[in-house]
Full PDB file with SEQRES, HELIX, SHEET, SSBOND, CRYST1, ORIGX, SCALE, CONECT and MASTER records, all heavy atoms in Angstrom:
SEQRES   1 A   29  SER THR PRO ALA ASP PRO THR SER TRP VAL LEU GLU GLY          
SEQRES   2 A   29  LEU ALA ILE PRO GLY ARG PRO HIS GLU GLY PRO LYS VAL          
SEQRES   3 A   29  PHE LYS LEU                                                  
HELIX    1 AA1 PRO A    6  SER A    8  5                                   3    
CRYST1    1.000    1.000    1.000  90.00  90.00  90.00 P 1           1          
ORIGX1      1.000000  0.000000  0.000000        0.00000                         
ORIGX2      0.000000  1.000000  0.000000        0.00000                         
ORIGX3      0.000000  0.000000  1.000000        0.00000                         
SCALE1      1.000000  0.000000  0.000000        0.00000                         
SCALE2      0.000000  1.000000  0.000000        0.00000                         
SCALE3      0.000000  0.000000  1.000000        0.00000                         
ATOM      1  N   SER A   1     100.614  81.419  88.761  1.00  0.00           N  
ATOM      2  CA  SER A   1      99.597  80.947  89.692  1.00  0.00           C  
ATOM      3  C   SER A   1      98.754  79.839  89.082  1.00  0.00           C  
ATOM      4  O   SER A   1      97.945  79.221  89.770  1.00  0.00           O  
ATOM      5  CB  SER A   1      98.686  82.111  90.123  1.00  0.00           C  
ATOM      6  OG  SER A   1      99.430  83.091  90.819  1.00  0.00           O  
ATOM      7  N   THR A   2      98.935  79.584  87.774  1.00  0.00           N  
ATOM      8  CA  THR A   2      98.194  78.534  87.067  1.00  0.00           C  
ATOM      9  C   THR A   2      99.188  77.684  86.272  1.00  0.00           C  
ATOM     10  O   THR A   2      99.328  77.844  85.054  1.00  0.00           O  
ATOM     11  CB  THR A   2      97.130  79.139  86.133  1.00  0.00           C  
ATOM     12  OG1 THR A   2      97.759  80.125  85.280  1.00  0.00           O  
ATOM     13  CG2 THR A   2      96.026  79.805  86.921  1.00  0.00           C  
ATOM     14  N   PRO A   3      99.917  76.783  86.948  1.00  0.00           N  
ATOM     15  CA  PRO A   3     101.010  76.056  86.290  1.00  0.00           C  
ATOM     16  C   PRO A   3     100.583  75.152  85.150  1.00  0.00           C  
ATOM     17  O   PRO A   3     101.428  74.761  84.332  1.00  0.00           O  
ATOM     18  CB  PRO A   3     101.623  75.256  87.441  1.00  0.00           C  
ATOM     19  CG  PRO A   3     100.546  75.157  88.466  1.00  0.00           C  
ATOM     20  CD  PRO A   3      99.776  76.431  88.366  1.00  0.00           C  
ATOM     21  N   ALA A   4      99.303  74.815  85.050  1.00  0.00           N  
ATOM     22  CA  ALA A   4      98.851  73.959  83.955  1.00  0.00           C  
ATOM     23  C   ALA A   4      98.774  74.702  82.628  1.00  0.00           C  
ATOM     24  O   ALA A   4      98.616  74.074  81.576  1.00  0.00           O  
ATOM     25  CB  ALA A   4      97.491  73.350  84.278  1.00  0.00           C  
ATOM     26  N   ASP A   5      98.886  76.034  82.661  1.00  0.00           N  
ATOM     27  CA  ASP A   5      98.783  76.849  81.451  1.00  0.00           C  
ATOM     28  C   ASP A   5     100.171  77.345  81.056  1.00  0.00           C  
ATOM     29  O   ASP A   5     100.737  78.208  81.729  1.00  0.00           O  
ATOM     30  CB  ASP A   5      97.855  78.036  81.716  1.00  0.00           C  
ATOM     31  CG  ASP A   5      97.711  78.948  80.502  1.00  0.00           C  
ATOM     32  OD1 ASP A   5      98.278  78.635  79.434  1.00  0.00           O  
ATOM     33  OD2 ASP A   5      97.032  79.984  80.637  1.00  0.00           O  
ATOM     34  N   PRO A   6     100.748  76.822  79.966  1.00  0.00           N  
ATOM     35  CA  PRO A   6     102.106  77.246  79.592  1.00  0.00           C  
ATOM     36  C   PRO A   6     102.210  78.713  79.196  1.00  0.00           C  
ATOM     37  O   PRO A   6     103.307  79.271  79.191  1.00  0.00           O  
ATOM     38  CB  PRO A   6     102.451  76.321  78.419  1.00  0.00           C  
ATOM     39  CG  PRO A   6     101.148  75.869  77.885  1.00  0.00           C  
ATOM     40  CD  PRO A   6     100.213  75.801  79.056  1.00  0.00           C  
ATOM     41  N   THR A   7     101.080  79.355  78.869  1.00  0.00           N  
ATOM     42  CA  THR A   7     101.115  80.772  78.501  1.00  0.00           C  
ATOM     43  C   THR A   7     101.074  81.690  79.724  1.00  0.00           C  
ATOM     44  O   THR A   7     101.194  82.909  79.579  1.00  0.00           O  
ATOM     45  CB  THR A   7      99.937  81.131  77.579  1.00  0.00           C  
ATOM     46  OG1 THR A   7      98.703  81.025  78.313  1.00  0.00           O  
ATOM     47  CG2 THR A   7      99.900  80.210  76.368  1.00  0.00           C  
ATOM     48  N   SER A   8     100.927  81.114  80.927  1.00  0.00           N  
ATOM     49  CA  SER A   8     100.747  81.940  82.123  1.00  0.00           C  
ATOM     50  C   SER A   8     102.062  82.291  82.812  1.00  0.00           C  
ATOM     51  O   SER A   8     102.074  83.147  83.709  1.00  0.00           O  
ATOM     52  CB  SER A   8      99.848  81.200  83.131  1.00  0.00           C  
ATOM     53  OG  SER A   8     100.519  80.062  83.667  1.00  0.00           O  
ATOM     54  N   TRP A   9     103.158  81.662  82.397  1.00  0.00           N  
ATOM     55  CA  TRP A   9     104.425  81.910  83.076  1.00  0.00           C  
ATOM     56  C   TRP A   9     104.931  83.325  82.799  1.00  0.00           C  
ATOM     57  O   TRP A   9     104.939  83.781  81.669  1.00  0.00           O  
ATOM     58  CB  TRP A   9     105.474  80.903  82.629  1.00  0.00           C  
ATOM     59  CG  TRP A   9     105.194  79.494  83.069  1.00  0.00           C  
ATOM     60  CD1 TRP A   9     104.576  78.517  82.339  1.00  0.00           C  
ATOM     61  CD2 TRP A   9     105.509  78.911  84.326  1.00  0.00           C  
ATOM     62  NE1 TRP A   9     104.485  77.360  83.061  1.00  0.00           N  
ATOM     63  CE2 TRP A   9     105.054  77.574  84.292  1.00  0.00           C  
ATOM     64  CE3 TRP A   9     106.135  79.383  85.483  1.00  0.00           C  
ATOM     65  CZ2 TRP A   9     105.200  76.701  85.371  1.00  0.00           C  
ATOM     66  CZ3 TRP A   9     106.286  78.520  86.555  1.00  0.00           C  
ATOM     67  CH2 TRP A   9     105.830  77.197  86.497  1.00  0.00           C  
ATOM     68  N   VAL A  10     105.375  83.996  83.862  1.00  0.00           N  
ATOM     69  CA  VAL A  10     105.912  85.355  83.761  1.00  0.00           C  
ATOM     70  C   VAL A  10     107.387  85.312  84.156  1.00  0.00           C  
ATOM     71  O   VAL A  10     107.730  84.835  85.247  1.00  0.00           O  
ATOM     72  CB  VAL A  10     105.146  86.329  84.675  1.00  0.00           C  
ATOM     73  CG1 VAL A  10     105.792  87.715  84.625  1.00  0.00           C  
ATOM     74  CG2 VAL A  10     103.679  86.397  84.263  1.00  0.00           C  
ATOM     75  N   LEU A  11     108.241  85.801  83.285  1.00  0.00           N  
ATOM     76  CA  LEU A  11     109.678  85.804  83.544  1.00  0.00           C  
ATOM     77  C   LEU A  11     109.993  86.705  84.733  1.00  0.00           C  
ATOM     78  O   LEU A  11     109.577  87.856  84.776  1.00  0.00           O  
ATOM     79  CB  LEU A  11     110.429  86.284  82.307  1.00  0.00           C  
ATOM     80  CG  LEU A  11     111.954  86.365  82.411  1.00  0.00           C  
ATOM     81  CD1 LEU A  11     112.552  84.978  82.617  1.00  0.00           C  
ATOM     82  CD2 LEU A  11     112.534  87.020  81.162  1.00  0.00           C  
ATOM     83  N   GLU A  12     110.729  86.166  85.710  1.00  0.00           N  
ATOM     84  CA  GLU A  12     111.175  86.961  86.858  1.00  0.00           C  
ATOM     85  C   GLU A  12     112.589  87.495  86.661  1.00  0.00           C  
ATOM     86  O   GLU A  12     112.886  88.619  87.025  1.00  0.00           O  
ATOM     87  CB  GLU A  12     111.129  86.116  88.132  1.00  0.00           C  
ATOM     88  CG  GLU A  12     109.736  85.829  88.631  1.00  0.00           C  
ATOM     89  CD  GLU A  12     109.760  85.151  89.983  1.00  0.00           C  
ATOM     90  OE1 GLU A  12     110.418  84.104  90.120  1.00  0.00           O  
ATOM     91  OE2 GLU A  12     109.112  85.665  90.919  1.00  0.00           O  
ATOM     92  N   GLY A  13     113.474  86.659  86.121  1.00  0.00           N  
ATOM     93  CA  GLY A  13     114.836  87.110  85.894  1.00  0.00           C  
ATOM     94  C   GLY A  13     115.855  86.210  86.556  1.00  0.00           C  
ATOM     95  O   GLY A  13     115.597  85.042  86.858  1.00  0.00           O  
ATOM     96  N   LEU A  14     117.033  86.778  86.810  1.00  0.00           N  
ATOM     97  CA  LEU A  14     118.165  86.029  87.326  1.00  0.00           C  
ATOM     98  C   LEU A  14     117.902  85.564  88.758  1.00  0.00           C  
ATOM     99  O   LEU A  14     117.577  86.357  89.631  1.00  0.00           O  
ATOM    100  CB  LEU A  14     119.413  86.918  87.287  1.00  0.00           C  
ATOM    101  CG  LEU A  14     120.732  86.302  87.732  1.00  0.00           C  
ATOM    102  CD1 LEU A  14     121.126  85.149  86.833  1.00  0.00           C  
ATOM    103  CD2 LEU A  14     121.822  87.382  87.743  1.00  0.00           C  
ATOM    104  N   ALA A  15     118.075  84.260  88.986  1.00  0.00           N  
ATOM    105  CA  ALA A  15     117.872  83.694  90.316  1.00  0.00           C  
ATOM    106  C   ALA A  15     119.193  83.318  90.982  1.00  0.00           C  
ATOM    107  O   ALA A  15     119.398  83.583  92.168  1.00  0.00           O  
ATOM    108  CB  ALA A  15     116.965  82.462  90.241  1.00  0.00           C  
ATOM    109  N   ILE A  16     120.098  82.663  90.232  1.00  0.00           N  
ATOM    110  CA  ILE A  16     121.397  82.258  90.754  1.00  0.00           C  
ATOM    111  C   ILE A  16     122.461  82.824  89.825  1.00  0.00           C  
ATOM    112  O   ILE A  16     122.666  82.331  88.714  1.00  0.00           O  
ATOM    113  CB  ILE A  16     121.542  80.726  90.833  1.00  0.00           C  
ATOM    114  CG1 ILE A  16     120.400  80.110  91.639  1.00  0.00           C  
ATOM    115  CG2 ILE A  16     122.892  80.354  91.429  1.00  0.00           C  
ATOM    116  CD1 ILE A  16     120.397  80.475  93.104  1.00  0.00           C  
ATOM    117  N   PRO A  17     123.180  83.879  90.219  1.00  0.00           N  
ATOM    118  CA  PRO A  17     124.183  84.514  89.372  1.00  0.00           C  
ATOM    119  C   PRO A  17     125.559  83.874  89.564  1.00  0.00           C  
ATOM    120  O   PRO A  17     125.723  82.889  90.283  1.00  0.00           O  
ATOM    121  CB  PRO A  17     124.183  85.957  89.870  1.00  0.00           C  
ATOM    122  CG  PRO A  17     123.889  85.823  91.340  1.00  0.00           C  
ATOM    123  CD  PRO A  17     122.964  84.639  91.466  1.00  0.00           C  
ATOM    124  N   GLY A  18     126.565  84.492  88.933  1.00  0.00           N  
ATOM    125  CA  GLY A  18     127.950  84.117  89.186  1.00  0.00           C  
ATOM    126  C   GLY A  18     128.482  83.074  88.236  1.00  0.00           C  
ATOM    127  O   GLY A  18     128.218  83.115  87.028  1.00  0.00           O  
ATOM    128  N   ARG A  19     129.219  82.121  88.778  1.00  0.00           N  
ATOM    129  CA  ARG A  19     129.882  81.083  88.007  1.00  0.00           C  
ATOM    130  C   ARG A  19     128.863  80.340  87.136  1.00  0.00           C  
ATOM    131  O   ARG A  19     127.775  79.972  87.611  1.00  0.00           O  
ATOM    132  CB  ARG A  19     130.564  80.105  88.965  1.00  0.00           C  
ATOM    133  CG  ARG A  19     131.358  79.008  88.288  1.00  0.00           C  
ATOM    134  CD  ARG A  19     131.850  78.010  89.336  1.00  0.00           C  
ATOM    135  NE  ARG A  19     132.602  76.929  88.721  1.00  0.00           N  
ATOM    136  CZ  ARG A  19     133.927  76.875  88.663  1.00  0.00           C  
ATOM    137  NH1 ARG A  19     134.648  77.859  89.188  1.00  0.00           N  
ATOM    138  NH2 ARG A  19     134.539  75.858  88.092  1.00  0.00           N  
ATOM    139  N   PRO A  20     129.168  80.095  85.845  1.00  0.00           N  
ATOM    140  CA  PRO A  20     128.234  79.335  84.998  1.00  0.00           C  
ATOM    141  C   PRO A  20     127.916  77.969  85.605  1.00  0.00           C  
ATOM    142  O   PRO A  20     128.757  77.355  86.267  1.00  0.00           O  
ATOM    143  CB  PRO A  20     128.990  79.199  83.673  1.00  0.00           C  
ATOM    144  CG  PRO A  20     129.926  80.360  83.658  1.00  0.00           C  
ATOM    145  CD  PRO A  20     130.342  80.558  85.089  1.00  0.00           C  
ATOM    146  N   HIS A  21     126.706  77.503  85.379  1.00  0.00           N  
ATOM    147  CA  HIS A  21     126.261  76.235  85.944  1.00  0.00           C  
ATOM    148  C   HIS A  21     125.041  75.743  85.170  1.00  0.00           C  
ATOM    149  O   HIS A  21     124.572  76.397  84.235  1.00  0.00           O  
ATOM    150  CB  HIS A  21     125.925  76.406  87.432  1.00  0.00           C  
ATOM    151  CG  HIS A  21     124.921  77.481  87.690  1.00  0.00           C  
ATOM    152  ND1 HIS A  21     125.290  78.773  88.023  1.00  0.00           N  
ATOM    153  CD2 HIS A  21     123.570  77.498  87.628  1.00  0.00           C  
ATOM    154  CE1 HIS A  21     124.206  79.520  88.184  1.00  0.00           C  
ATOM    155  NE2 HIS A  21     123.145  78.745  87.949  1.00  0.00           N  
ATOM    156  N   GLU A  22     124.513  74.597  85.564  1.00  0.00           N  
ATOM    157  CA  GLU A  22     123.332  74.037  84.906  1.00  0.00           C  
ATOM    158  C   GLU A  22     122.623  73.074  85.846  1.00  0.00           C  
ATOM    159  O   GLU A  22     123.054  72.856  86.981  1.00  0.00           O  
ATOM    160  CB  GLU A  22     123.740  73.320  83.616  1.00  0.00           C  
ATOM    161  CG  GLU A  22     124.696  72.161  83.817  1.00  0.00           C  
ATOM    162  CD  GLU A  22     125.245  71.631  82.503  1.00  0.00           C  
ATOM    163  OE1 GLU A  22     124.981  72.240  81.446  1.00  0.00           O  
ATOM    164  OE2 GLU A  22     125.940  70.595  82.531  1.00  0.00           O  
ATOM    165  N   GLY A  23     121.512  72.523  85.361  1.00  0.00           N  
ATOM    166  CA  GLY A  23     120.823  71.469  86.094  1.00  0.00           C  
ATOM    167  C   GLY A  23     120.240  71.855  87.431  1.00  0.00           C  
ATOM    168  O   GLY A  23     120.425  71.125  88.416  1.00  0.00           O  
ATOM    169  N   PRO A  24     119.506  72.986  87.561  1.00  0.00           N  
ATOM    170  CA  PRO A  24     118.943  73.327  88.873  1.00  0.00           C  
ATOM    171  C   PRO A  24     117.919  72.290  89.332  1.00  0.00           C  
ATOM    172  O   PRO A  24     117.200  71.696  88.526  1.00  0.00           O  
ATOM    173  CB  PRO A  24     118.272  74.684  88.627  1.00  0.00           C  
ATOM    174  CG  PRO A  24     117.941  74.681  87.164  1.00  0.00           C  
ATOM    175  CD  PRO A  24     119.073  73.935  86.511  1.00  0.00           C  
ATOM    176  N   LYS A  25     117.883  72.077  90.636  1.00  0.00           N  
ATOM    177  CA  LYS A  25     116.885  71.219  91.262  1.00  0.00           C  
ATOM    178  C   LYS A  25     116.475  71.844  92.576  1.00  0.00           C  
ATOM    179  O   LYS A  25     117.333  72.176  93.408  1.00  0.00           O  
ATOM    180  CB  LYS A  25     117.448  69.818  91.495  1.00  0.00           C  
ATOM    181  CG  LYS A  25     116.499  68.883  92.237  1.00  0.00           C  
ATOM    182  CD  LYS A  25     115.242  68.602  91.431  1.00  0.00           C  
ATOM    183  CE  LYS A  25     114.271  67.723  92.219  1.00  0.00           C  
ATOM    184  NZ  LYS A  25     113.052  67.428  91.428  1.00  0.00           N  
ATOM    185  N   VAL A  26     115.162  72.022  92.794  1.00  0.00           N  
ATOM    186  CA  VAL A  26     114.641  72.679  93.990  1.00  0.00           C  
ATOM    187  C   VAL A  26     113.867  71.664  94.822  1.00  0.00           C  
ATOM    188  O   VAL A  26     113.072  70.882  94.292  1.00  0.00           O  
ATOM    189  CB  VAL A  26     113.742  73.871  93.608  1.00  0.00           C  
ATOM    190  CG1 VAL A  26     113.110  74.489  94.856  1.00  0.00           C  
ATOM    191  CG2 VAL A  26     114.560  74.920  92.857  1.00  0.00           C  
ATOM    192  N   PHE A  27     114.083  71.696  96.138  1.00  0.00           N  
ATOM    193  CA  PHE A  27     113.378  70.774  97.036  1.00  0.00           C  
ATOM    194  C   PHE A  27     113.332  71.389  98.432  1.00  0.00           C  
ATOM    195  O   PHE A  27     114.014  72.377  98.720  1.00  0.00           O  
ATOM    196  CB  PHE A  27     114.081  69.405  97.084  1.00  0.00           C  
ATOM    197  CG  PHE A  27     115.513  69.466  97.503  1.00  0.00           C  
ATOM    198  CD1 PHE A  27     115.893  69.197  98.815  1.00  0.00           C  
ATOM    199  CD2 PHE A  27     116.507  69.792  96.591  1.00  0.00           C  
ATOM    200  CE1 PHE A  27     117.221  69.254  99.197  1.00  0.00           C  
ATOM    201  CE2 PHE A  27     117.843  69.848  96.958  1.00  0.00           C  
ATOM    202  CZ  PHE A  27     118.198  69.575  98.269  1.00  0.00           C  
ATOM    203  N   LYS A  28     112.522  70.796  99.294  1.00  0.00           N  
ATOM    204  CA  LYS A  28     112.384  71.282 100.665  1.00  0.00           C  
ATOM    205  C   LYS A  28     112.881  70.212 101.620  1.00  0.00           C  
ATOM    206  O   LYS A  28     112.567  69.023 101.470  1.00  0.00           O  
ATOM    207  CB  LYS A  28     110.928  71.627 100.967  1.00  0.00           C  
ATOM    208  CG  LYS A  28     110.737  72.447 102.245  1.00  0.00           C  
ATOM    209  CD  LYS A  28     109.298  72.921 102.385  1.00  0.00           C  
ATOM    210  CE  LYS A  28     109.142  73.832 103.607  1.00  0.00           C  
ATOM    211  NZ  LYS A  28     107.739  74.298 103.758  1.00  0.00           N  
ATOM    212  N   LEU A  29     113.684  70.629 102.591  1.00  0.00           N  
ATOM    213  CA  LEU A  29     114.228  69.697 103.575  1.00  0.00           C  
ATOM    214  C   LEU A  29     114.585  70.485 104.832  1.00  0.00           C  
ATOM    215  O   LEU A  29     115.167  71.565 104.741  1.00  0.00           O  
ATOM    216  CB  LEU A  29     115.471  68.992 103.021  1.00  0.00           C  
ATOM    217  CG  LEU A  29     116.023  67.822 103.843  1.00  0.00           C  
ATOM    218  CD1 LEU A  29     115.056  66.643 103.827  1.00  0.00           C  
ATOM    219  CD2 LEU A  29     117.386  67.379 103.300  1.00  0.00           C  
TER     220      LEU A  29                                                      
MASTER        0    0    0    1    0    0    0    6  219    1    0    3          
END                                                                             
């Protein structure tokens, strides 16, 4: 909730499983 603080991030876990991959990019359209 406070992205300017690097110590505030809480690990959620696996978001995209399955076949190995890299380079995620998130956007709204």
